[in-house]
Amino acid sequence: MTGFSPEIILFVACAYLIGSLIKGVAGFGAMLIAIPIMSIVVHPAVAIALTSGPVVVSNCWQLYDSGEARLAVRQFWPVLIALVPTSIIGSRFLAEVNPDKSAGIIGAIVTLFCLYTMFPPKFNLSLKNRNYSGAVIGAVAGLVNGATLLAGSILIAYLVSLNLHKNLFVAAIALMYLVGSIPVYVTLSYFDLYTREEIIVSTGLVFVAIVGLRLGRIIRDRVSQKTFQKVVTVLLLFVGMGLLFRAL
């Protein structure tokens, strides 16, 4: 990595501020918003590397704050075990593939997530089959996670289908994000896509994320969340389709 110009740093900071603000309002969307927007000006692998600081800090705190970390590990270990190797495989693809192609994959994932949000399917998984289904979900999510770090929609859909208590849900998704992201960052570091410069910028994004989350909490009380999510989904759909067409 040769360095970031002030313009790129400002663009990246604004992208993560928008993503964090939306997460503060809607409860999701920081990565889903920030990574596609950052991929407009930097290699998608670099965009993912830059999220390391906010992702690790926020999910460690979320996991601790939930009070259900141990229970989440006991109940979802098959997902975690499957996530690690497949995330490494996916991240190798991310590091080696053409930037336009990886941006196109991110665009496709974002577009599919938007369609899923607009037309959500209804299904329920039996708790008896949690280990088997968890391993399969973990493997699929790991490949998507490694290539894009946007496997959240797959993992969230899986957890929602189990009808978990909200604290266990929060702990489980934070644990899966954390366990899935670390192999990706390590692999990107191996390919020299996570250097000292990325670490410095990523550390700065932690403070940007805090500001965005706090602004989002202020907005949350003044705007209908349902309306806000619809607007965000439509805007995100355009971003995803733009990245998708960029690869064509």
Foldseek 3Di string as FASTA:
>chain_A
DPADDPVLLVQLLVQQLVQLLLCLQQVDGNLLRRLLSSLVPDQSLLSLLLQVQQLQVVLVVLLVVLVCQVVLCVLQVLLLVLQQVLLLVLQVCSLPDDSLVLLLLSLVLLLVLLVCVVPPDDAADDSVCSNVVSNVLSNVLNNSCNSRVPSLSSLLVHLVNHVDDPSSSSNNSSVSSNSNSVSSNVSCVVSVSNDPNSVVSSNVSNVSSVVSSVNSNVVNVVDDNVVVVNVVSVVSNVSSVVSNVSSD
